[in-house]
Amino acid sequence: MAAPPLRMTAAIGAGYGDIDEMISVVTSHPRPVFDAGSKKARGHALLRVQACALAPGDVRVISGKTRELQGPPEFPYVGGGDVCGVVEAVAAGETRLRVGDSIVARFHTAGPRGGLAEYAVVKTKMAESKPRRCTPAEGAALASSGVAAMAVADAVRPGERVLVLGGSGGVGSILVQLLKRVADASFVAATSTQEELMTSLGCDMTVDYLWQDVWSMPEFQTNPFDVVVDLVGGGWGPARRSGILKNGWHGGRFLTLVPDNAIFEVGGDAVRCVL
């Protein structure tokens, strides 16, 4: 007689809609089946989850707005994709990870799924060792946000002036540190209501968007930015019209992770890059 399936605690989504109505915590969700010797297990590992970080992608999935690209194959489903934990099992022949390793992993499906549970299956190629100085919660928060921030920082040249729209978010709080300490930007400004946090992370100036209009500030009109990074959305038009971003002929670039629409624009006065 076959043994009953193992169970675990998990946060599951019952459908699309309001998060308070669709997400619930259960204590008897089926634990992932992981057969180390099977073909399906190759390139994967079973993780005992210690922390899971949530991001805008999780909100989009539960809302149903990205169901064609990120929708779960069935309901109910376990949400969350960026995780930190300890490797519980690996596939036969696995050389990259070992049982007992403390790792950080990004979601390995089309959408963020599987992380809000006691156990999750992750792709080994989407996993890295957790930095020793990081707590599990910090490690999970770095999984996607840190990678995105590094990609943006790589597009900034030493000595450039940079404006970050949304500096205190997950990507922004990492990005402003990289811009000053790695990319060697000469001046970093950020829009945020958290001035003390932004200063502690290395920002030269914080613009409280509740009280100040970043697009009309005289000091930015006089000395425009080399790069504007939009982590909020909707900044392309104002940046282009306001004059606070150098035109493309003088090296001005507009970088965004949240495009206003599906069309990637390249204009004579700026370049819009979706990373």
C-alpha atoms as a PDB file:
ATOM      1  CA  MET A   1       0.000   0.000   0.000  1.00  0.00           C
ATOM      2  CA  ALA A   2       1.406   3.360  -1.085  1.00  0.00           C
ATOM      3  CA  ALA A   3       2.360   5.821   1.637  1.00  0.00           C
ATOM      4  CA  PRO A   4       0.108   8.893   1.891  1.00  0.00           C
ATOM      5  CA  PRO A   5       1.531  12.041   0.267  1.00  0.00           C
ATOM      6  CA  LEU A   6       3.525  14.337   2.534  1.00  0.00           C
ATOM      7  CA  ARG A   7       1.831  17.612   3.466  1.00  0.00           C
ATOM      8  CA  MET A   8       3.104  21.104   4.269  1.00  0.00           C
ATOM      9  CA  THR A   9       1.954  24.592   5.203  1.00  0.00           C
ATOM     10  CA  ALA A  10       1.602  26.931   2.220  1.00  0.00           C
ATOM     11  CA  ALA A  11      -0.035  30.154   1.077  1.00  0.00           C
ATOM     12  CA  ILE A  12      -2.238  29.288  -1.863  1.00  0.00           C
ATOM     13  CA  GLY A  13      -4.146  31.282  -4.446  1.00  0.00           C
ATOM     14  CA  ALA A  14      -7.666  30.135  -5.224  1.00  0.00           C
ATOM     15  CA  GLY A  15      -8.153  32.283  -8.322  1.00  0.00           C
ATOM     16  CA  TYR A  16      -7.725  35.767  -9.748  1.00  0.00           C
ATOM     17  CA  GLY A  17      -8.888  38.806  -7.844  1.00  0.00           C
ATOM     18  CA  ASP A  18      -8.397  40.661  -4.581  1.00  0.00           C
ATOM     19  CA  ILE A  19      -5.492  39.275  -2.563  1.00  0.00           C
ATOM     20  CA  ASP A  20      -7.467  39.241   0.701  1.00  0.00           C
ATOM     21  CA  GLU A  21     -10.124  37.080  -0.907  1.00  0.00           C
ATOM     22  CA  MET A  22      -7.973  34.799  -3.044  1.00  0.00           C
ATOM     23  CA  ILE A  23      -4.950  34.045  -0.833  1.00  0.00           C
ATOM     24  CA  SER A  24      -5.185  31.804   2.218  1.00  0.00           C
ATOM     25  CA  VAL A  25      -2.789  29.777   4.369  1.00  0.00           C
ATOM     26  CA  VAL A  26      -3.403  26.043   4.617  1.00  0.00           C
ATOM     27  CA  THR A  27      -1.583  23.423   6.628  1.00  0.00           C
ATOM     28  CA  SER A  28      -2.222  20.369   4.468  1.00  0.00           C
ATOM     29  CA  HIS A  29      -1.046  21.322   0.985  1.00  0.00           C
ATOM     30  CA  PRO A  30       0.743  18.482  -0.888  1.00  0.00           C
ATOM     31  CA  ARG A  31       4.489  18.713  -0.505  1.00  0.00           C
ATOM     32  CA  PRO A  32       6.430  18.651  -3.804  1.00  0.00           C
ATOM     33  CA  VAL A  33       7.353  15.166  -4.912  1.00  0.00           C
ATOM     34  CA  PHE A  34      11.076  14.999  -5.659  1.00  0.00           C
ATOM     35  CA  ASP A  35      12.513  11.763  -7.037  1.00  0.00           C
ATOM     36  CA  ALA A  36      16.270  12.371  -7.199  1.00  0.00           C
ATOM     37  CA  GLY A  37      16.758   9.600  -9.748  1.00  0.00           C
ATOM     38  CA  SER A  38      14.062  10.697 -12.173  1.00  0.00           C
ATOM     39  CA  LYS A  39      14.603  12.554 -15.436  1.00  0.00           C
ATOM     40  CA  LYS A  40      12.245  15.288 -14.234  1.00  0.00           C
ATOM     41  CA  ALA A  41      14.534  16.057 -11.277  1.00  0.00           C
ATOM     42  CA  ARG A  42      17.570  16.844 -13.431  1.00  0.00           C
ATOM     43  CA  GLY A  43      18.676  20.435 -13.019  1.00  0.00           C
ATOM     44  CA  HIS A  44      16.443  20.889  -9.988  1.00  0.00           C
ATOM     45  CA  ALA A  45      16.714  20.767  -6.212  1.00  0.00           C
ATOM     46  CA  LEU A  46      14.265  20.480  -3.343  1.00  0.00           C
ATOM     47  CA  LEU A  47      14.539  23.457  -1.007  1.00  0.00           C
ATOM     48  CA  ARG A  48      13.418  23.782   2.598  1.00  0.00           C
ATOM     49  CA  VAL A  49      12.242  27.390   2.441  1.00  0.00           C
ATOM     50  CA  GLN A  50      13.334  29.828   5.141  1.00  0.00           C
ATOM     51  CA  ALA A  51      12.106  33.052   3.521  1.00  0.00           C
ATOM     52  CA  CYS A  52      10.179  34.163   0.448  1.00  0.00           C
ATOM     53  CA  ALA A  53      10.195  37.697  -0.964  1.00  0.00           C
ATOM     54  CA  LEU A  54       7.159  39.129  -2.749  1.00  0.00           C
ATOM     55  CA  ALA A  55       7.274  41.696  -5.519  1.00  0.00           C
ATOM     56  CA  PRO A  56       4.996  43.461  -8.051  1.00  0.00           C
ATOM     57  CA  GLY A  57       5.065  40.311 -10.176  1.00  0.00           C
ATOM     58  CA  ASP A  58       3.190  38.434  -7.478  1.00  0.00           C
ATOM     59  CA  VAL A  59       0.524  41.132  -7.445  1.00  0.00           C
ATOM     60  CA  ARG A  60       0.187  40.981 -11.222  1.00  0.00           C
ATOM     61  CA  VAL A  61      -0.268  37.216 -11.155  1.00  0.00           C
ATOM     62  CA  ILE A  62      -3.007  37.209  -8.535  1.00  0.00           C
ATOM     63  CA  SER A  63      -4.759  40.087 -10.333  1.00  0.00           C
ATOM     64  CA  GLY A  64      -4.951  38.084 -13.554  1.00  0.00           C
ATOM     65  CA  LYS A  65      -3.568  40.976 -15.608  1.00  0.00           C
ATOM     66  CA  THR A  66      -0.680  38.851 -16.898  1.00  0.00           C
ATOM     67  CA  ARG A  67      -2.524  35.542 -17.065  1.00  0.00           C
ATOM     68  CA  GLU A  68      -1.485  34.911 -20.687  1.00  0.00           C
ATOM     69  CA  LEU A  69       2.207  35.013 -19.761  1.00  0.00           C
ATOM     70  CA  GLN A  70       2.376  34.330 -16.026  1.00  0.00           C
ATOM     71  CA  GLY A  71      -0.897  32.669 -15.129  1.00  0.00           C
ATOM     72  CA  PRO A  72      -0.691  29.486 -13.061  1.00  0.00           C
ATOM     73  CA  PRO A  73      -1.541  26.303 -14.984  1.00  0.00           C
ATOM     74  CA  GLU A  74      -4.196  25.430 -12.436  1.00  0.00           C
ATOM     75  CA  PHE A  75      -5.836  26.479  -9.179  1.00  0.00           C
ATOM     76  CA  PRO A  76      -5.143  26.428  -6.334  1.00  0.00           C
ATOM     77  CA  TYR A  77      -1.474  27.332  -6.691  1.00  0.00           C
ATOM     78  CA  VAL A  78       1.351  28.332  -4.353  1.00  0.00           C
ATOM     79  CA  GLY A  79       2.502  31.909  -4.915  1.00  0.00           C
ATOM     80  CA  GLY A  80       5.902  33.545  -4.473  1.00  0.00           C
ATOM     81  CA  GLY A  81       9.048  32.952  -6.465  1.00  0.00           C
ATOM     82  CA  ASP A  82      12.110  34.528  -4.815  1.00  0.00           C
ATOM     83  CA  VAL A  83      13.263  32.271  -2.010  1.00  0.00           C
ATOM     84  CA  CYS A  84      16.074  31.518   0.376  1.00  0.00           C
ATOM     85  CA  GLY A  85      16.517  28.212   2.129  1.00  0.00           C
ATOM     86  CA  VAL A  86      18.502  25.033   2.679  1.00  0.00           C
ATOM     87  CA  VAL A  87      18.883  22.352   0.016  1.00  0.00           C
ATOM     88  CA  GLU A  88      16.985  19.263   1.114  1.00  0.00           C
ATOM     89  CA  ALA A  89      17.617  17.030  -1.923  1.00  0.00           C
ATOM     90  CA  VAL A  90      19.331  17.208  -5.313  1.00  0.00           C
ATOM     91  CA  ALA A  91      19.052  15.188  -8.502  1.00  0.00           C
ATOM     92  CA  ALA A  92      21.360  12.254  -9.052  1.00  0.00           C
ATOM     93  CA  GLY A  93      24.637  13.476 -10.545  1.00  0.00           C
ATOM     94  CA  GLU A  94      24.127  17.098  -9.448  1.00  0.00           C
ATOM     95  CA  THR A  95      27.481  18.861  -8.987  1.00  0.00           C
ATOM     96  CA  ARG A  96      26.504  22.500  -8.535  1.00  0.00           C
ATOM     97  CA  LEU A  97      24.496  22.169  -5.318  1.00  0.00           C
ATOM     98  CA  ARG A  98      24.778  19.857  -2.346  1.00  0.00           C
ATOM     99  CA  VAL A  99      22.362  18.854   0.383  1.00  0.00           C
ATOM    100  CA  GLY A 100      22.706  21.340   3.239  1.00  0.00           C
ATOM    101  CA  ASP A 101      23.748  24.303   1.065  1.00  0.00           C
ATOM    102  CA  SER A 102      22.156  27.626   1.986  1.00  0.00           C
ATOM    103  CA  ILE A 103      21.004  29.171  -1.296  1.00  0.00           C
ATOM    104  CA  VAL A 104      19.020  31.976  -2.869  1.00  0.00           C
ATOM    105  CA  ALA A 105      16.877  31.113  -5.885  1.00  0.00           C
ATOM    106  CA  ARG A 106      14.658  32.959  -8.328  1.00  0.00           C
ATOM    107  CA  PHE A 107      11.387  31.602  -9.662  1.00  0.00           C
ATOM    108  CA  HIS A 108      11.900  28.936 -12.292  1.00  0.00           C
ATOM    109  CA  THR A 109       8.508  28.964 -14.001  1.00  0.00           C
ATOM    110  CA  ALA A 110       6.837  31.505 -16.289  1.00  0.00           C
ATOM    111  CA  GLY A 111       5.538  33.310 -13.232  1.00  0.00           C
ATOM    112  CA  PRO A 112       6.454  33.573  -9.544  1.00  0.00           C
ATOM    113  CA  ARG A 113       5.141  30.374  -8.025  1.00  0.00           C
ATOM    114  CA  GLY A 114       5.991  27.759  -5.432  1.00  0.00           C
ATOM    115  CA  GLY A 115       7.897  29.838  -2.869  1.00  0.00           C
ATOM    116  CA  LEU A 116       5.289  30.575  -0.199  1.00  0.00           C
ATOM    117  CA  ALA A 117       5.502  27.141   1.339  1.00  0.00           C
ATOM    118  CA  GLU A 118       7.678  25.040   3.605  1.00  0.00           C
ATOM    119  CA  TYR A 119       9.251  23.299   0.591  1.00  0.00           C
ATOM    120  CA  ALA A 120       9.799  24.327  -3.020  1.00  0.00           C
ATOM    121  CA  VAL A 121      11.457  22.891  -6.113  1.00  0.00           C
ATOM    122  CA  VAL A 122      13.930  25.287  -7.752  1.00  0.00           C
ATOM    123  CA  LYS A 123      16.153  25.218 -10.811  1.00  0.00           C
ATOM    124  CA  THR A 124      19.799  24.834  -9.908  1.00  0.00           C
ATOM    125  CA  LYS A 125      20.888  27.272 -12.638  1.00  0.00           C
ATOM    126  CA  MET A 126      18.660  29.925 -11.061  1.00  0.00           C
ATOM    127  CA  ALA A 127      20.240  29.463  -7.632  1.00  0.00           C
ATOM    128  CA  GLU A 128      23.335  30.854  -5.922  1.00  0.00           C
ATOM    129  CA  SER A 129      24.901  30.506  -2.497  1.00  0.00           C
ATOM    130  CA  LYS A 130      23.445  32.880   0.077  1.00  0.00           C
ATOM    131  CA  PRO A 131      25.965  35.534   1.151  1.00  0.00           C
ATOM    132  CA  ARG A 132      27.074  34.671   4.676  1.00  0.00           C
ATOM    133  CA  ARG A 133      26.339  38.139   6.006  1.00  0.00           C
ATOM    134  CA  CYS A 134      22.738  38.052   4.768  1.00  0.00           C
ATOM    135  CA  THR A 135      19.805  36.766   6.751  1.00  0.00           C
ATOM    136  CA  PRO A 136      17.424  34.427   4.889  1.00  0.00           C
ATOM    137  CA  ALA A 137      14.950  37.302   4.476  1.00  0.00           C
ATOM    138  CA  GLU A 138      17.652  39.547   3.021  1.00  0.00           C
ATOM    139  CA  GLY A 139      18.806  36.759   0.724  1.00  0.00           C
ATOM    140  CA  ALA A 140      15.306  36.205  -0.661  1.00  0.00           C
ATOM    141  CA  ALA A 141      14.913  39.935  -1.248  1.00  0.00           C
ATOM    142  CA  LEU A 142      18.114  39.945  -3.334  1.00  0.00           C
ATOM    143  CA  ALA A 143      17.078  37.107  -5.627  1.00  0.00           C
ATOM    144  CA  SER A 144      15.407  39.168  -8.358  1.00  0.00           C
ATOM    145  CA  SER A 145      15.735  42.768  -7.169  1.00  0.00           C
ATOM    146  CA  GLY A 146      19.496  42.500  -6.842  1.00  0.00           C
ATOM    147  CA  VAL A 147      19.905  41.053 -10.330  1.00  0.00           C
ATOM    148  CA  ALA A 148      17.705  43.773 -11.837  1.00  0.00           C
ATOM    149  CA  ALA A 149      19.595  46.503  -9.991  1.00  0.00           C
ATOM    150  CA  MET A 150      22.931  45.151 -11.235  1.00  0.00           C
ATOM    151  CA  ALA A 151      21.675  45.165 -14.822  1.00  0.00           C
ATOM    152  CA  VAL A 152      20.701  48.826 -14.548  1.00  0.00           C
ATOM    153  CA  ALA A 153      23.910  49.828 -12.766  1.00  0.00           C
ATOM    154  CA  ASP A 154      25.948  48.218 -15.562  1.00  0.00           C
ATOM    155  CA  ALA A 155      24.424  50.733 -17.989  1.00  0.00           C
ATOM    156  CA  VAL A 156      25.742  53.719 -16.009  1.00  0.00           C
ATOM    157  CA  ARG A 157      29.189  55.153 -16.681  1.00  0.00           C
ATOM    158  CA  PRO A 158      31.556  56.607 -14.063  1.00  0.00           C
ATOM    159  CA  GLY A 159      30.953  60.290 -13.360  1.00  0.00           C
ATOM    160  CA  GLU A 160      27.386  60.395 -14.689  1.00  0.00           C
ATOM    161  CA  ARG A 161      24.447  62.090 -13.008  1.00  0.00           C
ATOM    162  CA  VAL A 162      21.546  59.718 -12.368  1.00  0.00           C
ATOM    163  CA  LEU A 163      17.943  60.203 -11.275  1.00  0.00           C
ATOM    164  CA  VAL A 164      16.131  57.147  -9.892  1.00  0.00           C
ATOM    165  CA  LEU A 165      12.337  57.304  -9.889  1.00  0.00           C
ATOM    166  CA  GLY A 166      11.249  55.134  -6.975  1.00  0.00           C
ATOM    167  CA  GLY A 167      14.506  54.873  -5.040  1.00  0.00           C
ATOM    168  CA  SER A 168      13.181  53.238  -1.886  1.00  0.00           C
ATOM    169  CA  GLY A 169      11.605  50.165  -3.505  1.00  0.00           C
ATOM    170  CA  GLY A 170      13.147  46.711  -3.715  1.00  0.00           C
ATOM    171  CA  VAL A 171      15.213  47.374  -6.855  1.00  0.00           C
ATOM    172  CA  GLY A 172      15.741  51.078  -6.115  1.00  0.00           C
ATOM    173  CA  SER A 173      17.200  50.619  -2.637  1.00  0.00           C
ATOM    174  CA  ILE A 174      19.824  48.255  -4.043  1.00  0.00           C
ATOM    175  CA  LEU A 175      20.414  50.321  -7.180  1.00  0.00           C
ATOM    176  CA  VAL A 176      21.256  53.586  -5.436  1.00  0.00           C
ATOM    177  CA  GLN A 177      23.950  51.783  -3.454  1.00  0.00           C
ATOM    178  CA  LEU A 178      25.438  50.206  -6.580  1.00  0.00           C
ATOM    179  CA  LEU A 179      25.395  53.514  -8.442  1.00  0.00           C
ATOM    180  CA  LYS A 180      27.548  55.211  -5.818  1.00  0.00           C
ATOM    181  CA  ARG A 181      29.789  52.328  -4.774  1.00  0.00           C
ATOM    182  CA  VAL A 182      30.196  50.301  -7.975  1.00  0.00           C
ATOM    183  CA  ALA A 183      29.164  52.377 -11.000  1.00  0.00           C
ATOM    184  CA  ASP A 184      30.889  55.459  -9.511  1.00  0.00           C
ATOM    185  CA  ALA A 185      28.126  57.892 -10.499  1.00  0.00           C
ATOM    186  CA  SER A 186      29.020  61.456  -9.552  1.00  0.00           C
ATOM    187  CA  PHE A 187      25.512  62.421  -8.431  1.00  0.00           C
ATOM    188  CA  VAL A 188      22.515  60.267  -7.562  1.00  0.00           C
ATOM    189  CA  ALA A 189      19.076  61.704  -6.883  1.00  0.00           C
ATOM    190  CA  ALA A 190      15.987  59.656  -6.099  1.00  0.00           C
ATOM    191  CA  THR A 191      12.282  60.260  -5.709  1.00  0.00           C
ATOM    192  CA  SER A 192      11.008  58.903  -2.411  1.00  0.00           C
ATOM    193  CA  THR A 193       9.234  59.913   0.767  1.00  0.00           C
ATOM    194  CA  GLN A 194      11.987  58.245   2.816  1.00  0.00           C
ATOM    195  CA  GLU A 195      14.727  60.856   2.808  1.00  0.00           C
ATOM    196  CA  GLU A 196      16.639  59.412   5.765  1.00  0.00           C
ATOM    197  CA  LEU A 197      16.794  55.971   4.154  1.00  0.00           C
ATOM    198  CA  MET A 198      17.911  57.371   0.815  1.00  0.00           C
ATOM    199  CA  THR A 199      20.686  59.399   2.447  1.00  0.00           C
ATOM    200  CA  SER A 200      21.911  56.363   4.395  1.00  0.00           C
ATOM    201  CA  LEU A 201      22.100  54.371   1.146  1.00  0.00           C
ATOM    202  CA  GLY A 202      24.236  56.991  -0.592  1.00  0.00           C
ATOM    203  CA  CYS A 203      21.838  59.330  -2.414  1.00  0.00           C
ATOM    204  CA  ASP A 204      23.099  62.876  -2.835  1.00  0.00           C
ATOM    205  CA  MET A 205      19.552  64.231  -2.975  1.00  0.00           C
ATOM    206  CA  THR A 206      16.046  62.959  -2.278  1.00  0.00           C
ATOM    207  CA  VAL A 207      12.968  64.490  -3.868  1.00  0.00           C
ATOM    208  CA  ASP A 208       9.759  63.941  -1.894  1.00  0.00           C
ATOM    209  CA  TYR A 209       7.312  63.522  -4.765  1.00  0.00           C
ATOM    210  CA  LEU A 210       4.372  64.297  -2.483  1.00  0.00           C
ATOM    211  CA  TRP A 211       5.579  67.877  -2.117  1.00  0.00           C
ATOM    212  CA  GLN A 212       7.988  68.488  -5.002  1.00  0.00           C
ATOM    213  CA  ASP A 213       7.639  68.167  -8.769  1.00  0.00           C
ATOM    214  CA  VAL A 214      10.883  66.581  -9.914  1.00  0.00           C
ATOM    215  CA  TRP A 215      10.209  67.570 -13.535  1.00  0.00           C
ATOM    216  CA  SER A 216      10.185  71.319 -12.837  1.00  0.00           C
ATOM    217  CA  MET A 217      13.061  71.698 -10.379  1.00  0.00           C
ATOM    218  CA  PRO A 218      15.358  74.530 -11.582  1.00  0.00           C
ATOM    219  CA  GLU A 219      18.594  72.805 -10.520  1.00  0.00           C
ATOM    220  CA  PHE A 220      17.737  69.839 -12.729  1.00  0.00           C
ATOM    221  CA  GLN A 221      16.757  72.063 -15.629  1.00  0.00           C
ATOM    222  CA  THR A 222      20.112  73.826 -15.442  1.00  0.00           C
ATOM    223  CA  ASN A 223      22.152  70.657 -14.978  1.00  0.00           C
ATOM    224  CA  PRO A 224      20.210  67.785 -16.590  1.00  0.00           C
ATOM    225  CA  PHE A 225      20.810  64.114 -15.876  1.00  0.00           C
ATOM    226  CA  ASP A 226      22.769  61.697 -18.022  1.00  0.00           C
ATOM    227  CA  VAL A 227      20.462  58.860 -17.002  1.00  0.00           C
ATOM    228  CA  VAL A 228      16.904  58.671 -15.692  1.00  0.00           C
ATOM    229  CA  VAL A 229      15.917  55.267 -14.287  1.00  0.00           C
ATOM    230  CA  ASP A 230      12.162  54.670 -14.007  1.00  0.00           C
ATOM    231  CA  LEU A 231      11.166  52.013 -11.465  1.00  0.00           C
ATOM    232  CA  VAL A 232       7.625  53.359 -11.078  1.00  0.00           C
ATOM    233  CA  GLY A 233       6.217  53.765 -14.596  1.00  0.00           C
ATOM    234  CA  GLY A 234       5.000  56.730 -16.587  1.00  0.00           C
ATOM    235  CA  GLY A 235       8.254  58.660 -16.549  1.00  0.00           C
ATOM    236  CA  TRP A 236       9.216  58.489 -20.222  1.00  0.00           C
ATOM    237  CA  GLY A 237       7.023  61.338 -21.450  1.00  0.00           C
ATOM    238  CA  PRO A 238       7.809  63.797 -18.631  1.00  0.00           C
ATOM    239  CA  ALA A 239      11.542  63.039 -18.781  1.00  0.00           C
ATOM    240  CA  ARG A 240      11.532  63.678 -22.509  1.00  0.00           C
ATOM    241  CA  ARG A 241       9.564  66.926 -22.315  1.00  0.00           C
ATOM    242  CA  SER A 242      10.853  68.483 -19.105  1.00  0.00           C
ATOM    243  CA  GLY A 243      14.458  69.032 -20.110  1.00  0.00           C
ATOM    244  CA  ILE A 244      15.933  67.399 -17.018  1.00  0.00           C
ATOM    245  CA  LEU A 245      17.340  64.535 -19.133  1.00  0.00           C
ATOM    246  CA  LYS A 246      20.104  65.179 -21.672  1.00  0.00           C
ATOM    247  CA  ASN A 247      19.101  64.440 -25.239  1.00  0.00           C
ATOM    248  CA  GLY A 248      20.383  61.340 -26.949  1.00  0.00           C
ATOM    249  CA  TRP A 249      22.979  63.247 -28.974  1.00  0.00           C
ATOM    250  CA  HIS A 250      24.625  64.211 -25.682  1.00  0.00           C
ATOM    251  CA  GLY A 251      24.456  60.740 -24.182  1.00  0.00           C
ATOM    252  CA  GLY A 252      21.164  60.961 -22.314  1.00  0.00           C
ATOM    253  CA  ARG A 253      19.462  57.610 -21.639  1.00  0.00           C
ATOM    254  CA  PHE A 254      16.116  56.627 -20.145  1.00  0.00           C
ATOM    255  CA  LEU A 255      16.119  53.176 -18.539  1.00  0.00           C
ATOM    256  CA  THR A 256      13.005  51.467 -17.255  1.00  0.00           C
ATOM    257  CA  LEU A 257      11.874  48.151 -15.813  1.00  0.00           C
ATOM    258  CA  VAL A 258       8.196  49.105 -16.081  1.00  0.00           C
ATOM    259  CA  PRO A 259       7.381  50.199 -19.663  1.00  0.00           C
ATOM    260  CA  ASP A 260       4.226  52.262 -20.183  1.00  0.00           C
ATOM    261  CA  ASN A 261       3.222  50.012 -23.054  1.00  0.00           C
ATOM    262  CA  ALA A 262       4.528  47.130 -25.129  1.00  0.00           C
ATOM    263  CA  ILE A 263       6.277  49.370 -27.686  1.00  0.00           C
ATOM    264  CA  PHE A 264       9.952  50.021 -27.082  1.00  0.00           C
ATOM    265  CA  GLU A 265      10.683  53.538 -28.274  1.00  0.00           C
ATOM    266  CA  VAL A 266      13.945  54.920 -29.573  1.00  0.00           C
ATOM    267  CA  GLY A 267      13.864  58.678 -30.015  1.00  0.00           C
ATOM    268  CA  GLY A 268      16.379  61.197 -31.263  1.00  0.00           C
ATOM    269  CA  ASP A 269      16.649  62.775 -27.827  1.00  0.00           C
ATOM    270  CA  ALA A 270      16.713  59.697 -25.605  1.00  0.00           C
ATOM    271  CA  VAL A 271      16.713  55.944 -25.672  1.00  0.00           C
ATOM    272  CA  ARG A 272      14.190  53.860 -23.817  1.00  0.00           C
ATOM    273  CA  CYS A 273      15.608  50.543 -22.696  1.00  0.00           C
ATOM    274  CA  VAL A 274      13.606  47.732 -21.173  1.00  0.00           C
ATOM    275  CA  LEU A 275      15.968  45.532 -19.192  1.00  0.00           C
END
